[in-house]
Amino acid sequence: MKHETKEKMKTWVLIVMIITLVGSFVLFFLGYYMTAFVVGGIFMFLAIFLGQWYSFKNADYLYGIKDKNRR
């Protein structure tokens, strides 16, 4: 994937995460508790998914470098 496409995708995911987090709090304080819970759940899912993905990606990168240095 091209570098520009990756950057655009990162930007859009960050925007979506910020909107869901802010939207969840706004909906909660307006009294739409169930909707706020669902929107907050979407935020949590995105945050956990991306955190685990980057963790695995970094671990693969680090272990790949270790294995190359052993040869």
C-alpha atoms as a PDB file:
ATOM      1  CA  MET A   1       0.000   0.000   0.000  1.00  0.00           C
ATOM      2  CA  LYS A   2       1.285   3.440  -0.846  1.00  0.00           C
ATOM      3  CA  HIS A   3       2.540   5.730   1.888  1.00  0.00           C
ATOM      4  CA  GLU A   4      -0.046   8.409   1.062  1.00  0.00           C
ATOM      5  CA  THR A   5      -2.905   5.919   1.358  1.00  0.00           C
ATOM      6  CA  LYS A   6      -1.648   4.705   4.729  1.00  0.00           C
ATOM      7  CA  GLU A   7      -1.445   8.252   6.041  1.00  0.00           C
ATOM      8  CA  LYS A   8      -4.969   9.054   4.841  1.00  0.00           C
ATOM      9  CA  MET A   9      -6.278   5.879   6.476  1.00  0.00           C
ATOM     10  CA  LYS A  10      -4.540   6.712   9.764  1.00  0.00           C
ATOM     11  CA  THR A  11      -5.980  10.209   9.684  1.00  0.00           C
ATOM     12  CA  TRP A  12      -9.531   8.957   9.055  1.00  0.00           C
ATOM     13  CA  VAL A  13      -9.314   6.328  11.801  1.00  0.00           C
ATOM     14  CA  LEU A  14      -8.070   8.969  14.239  1.00  0.00           C
ATOM     15  CA  ILE A  15     -10.914  11.312  13.271  1.00  0.00           C
ATOM     16  CA  VAL A  16     -13.497   8.531  13.692  1.00  0.00           C
ATOM     17  CA  MET A  17     -12.083   7.641  17.109  1.00  0.00           C
ATOM     18  CA  ILE A  18     -12.196  11.246  18.311  1.00  0.00           C
ATOM     19  CA  ILE A  19     -15.742  11.701  17.001  1.00  0.00           C
ATOM     20  CA  THR A  20     -16.962   8.513  18.703  1.00  0.00           C
ATOM     21  CA  LEU A  21     -15.342   9.446  22.005  1.00  0.00           C
ATOM     22  CA  VAL A  22     -16.710  12.990  22.028  1.00  0.00           C
ATOM     23  CA  GLY A  23     -20.072  11.824  20.701  1.00  0.00           C
ATOM     24  CA  SER A  24     -20.366   9.248  23.441  1.00  0.00           C
ATOM     25  CA  PHE A  25     -19.871  11.848  26.174  1.00  0.00           C
ATOM     26  CA  VAL A  26     -22.204  14.347  24.521  1.00  0.00           C
ATOM     27  CA  LEU A  27     -24.950  11.752  24.103  1.00  0.00           C
ATOM     28  CA  PHE A  28     -24.498  10.621  27.694  1.00  0.00           C
ATOM     29  CA  PHE A  29     -24.878  14.126  29.092  1.00  0.00           C
ATOM     30  CA  LEU A  30     -27.892  14.782  26.852  1.00  0.00           C
ATOM     31  CA  GLY A  31     -29.622  11.758  28.351  1.00  0.00           C
ATOM     32  CA  TYR A  32     -29.320   9.249  25.499  1.00  0.00           C
ATOM     33  CA  TYR A  33     -27.659   6.642  27.673  1.00  0.00           C
ATOM     34  CA  MET A  34     -28.119   3.548  25.518  1.00  0.00           C
ATOM     35  CA  THR A  35     -26.964   5.302  22.361  1.00  0.00           C
ATOM     36  CA  ALA A  36     -23.971   6.713  24.225  1.00  0.00           C
ATOM     37  CA  PHE A  37     -23.158   3.209  25.458  1.00  0.00           C
ATOM     38  CA  VAL A  38     -23.205   1.844  21.897  1.00  0.00           C
ATOM     39  CA  VAL A  39     -21.067   4.695  20.525  1.00  0.00           C
ATOM     40  CA  GLY A  40     -18.637   4.284  23.439  1.00  0.00           C
ATOM     41  CA  GLY A  41     -18.483   0.562  22.670  1.00  0.00           C
ATOM     42  CA  ILE A  42     -17.537   1.334  19.080  1.00  0.00           C
ATOM     43  CA  PHE A  43     -14.753   3.597  20.365  1.00  0.00           C
ATOM     44  CA  MET A  44     -13.502   0.911  22.744  1.00  0.00           C
ATOM     45  CA  PHE A  45     -13.562  -1.723  20.000  1.00  0.00           C
ATOM     46  CA  LEU A  46     -11.541   0.496  17.668  1.00  0.00           C
ATOM     47  CA  ALA A  47      -9.060   1.420  20.394  1.00  0.00           C
ATOM     48  CA  ILE A  48      -8.493  -2.175  21.496  1.00  0.00           C
ATOM     49  CA  PHE A  49      -8.307  -3.519  17.954  1.00  0.00           C
ATOM     50  CA  LEU A  50      -5.786  -0.900  16.824  1.00  0.00           C
ATOM     51  CA  GLY A  51      -3.716  -1.231  19.996  1.00  0.00           C
ATOM     52  CA  GLN A  52      -3.433  -5.003  19.618  1.00  0.00           C
ATOM     53  CA  TRP A  53      -2.697  -4.720  15.901  1.00  0.00           C
ATOM     54  CA  TYR A  54       0.132  -2.247  16.436  1.00  0.00           C
ATOM     55  CA  SER A  55       1.482  -4.362  19.286  1.00  0.00           C
ATOM     56  CA  PHE A  56       1.634  -7.465  17.100  1.00  0.00           C
ATOM     57  CA  LYS A  57       3.066  -5.458  14.220  1.00  0.00           C
ATOM     58  CA  ASN A  58       5.860  -4.064  16.412  1.00  0.00           C
ATOM     59  CA  ALA A  59       6.590  -7.473  17.936  1.00  0.00           C
ATOM     60  CA  ASP A  60       6.907  -9.021  14.476  1.00  0.00           C
ATOM     61  CA  TYR A  61       9.210  -6.196  13.422  1.00  0.00           C
ATOM     62  CA  LEU A  62      11.422  -6.559  16.508  1.00  0.00           C
ATOM     63  CA  TYR A  63      11.659 -10.328  16.326  1.00  0.00           C
ATOM     64  CA  GLY A  64      12.341 -10.126  12.594  1.00  0.00           C
ATOM     65  CA  ILE A  65      15.331  -7.866  13.272  1.00  0.00           C
ATOM     66  CA  LYS A  66      16.611 -10.178  16.037  1.00  0.00           C
ATOM     67  CA  ASP A  67      16.453 -13.212  13.758  1.00  0.00           C
ATOM     68  CA  LYS A  68      18.252 -11.392  10.934  1.00  0.00           C
ATOM     69  CA  ASN A  69      21.079 -10.391  13.294  1.00  0.00           C
ATOM     70  CA  ARG A  70      21.614 -13.994  14.441  1.00  0.00           C
ATOM     71  CA  ARG A  71      22.430 -15.238  10.946  1.00  0.00           C
END
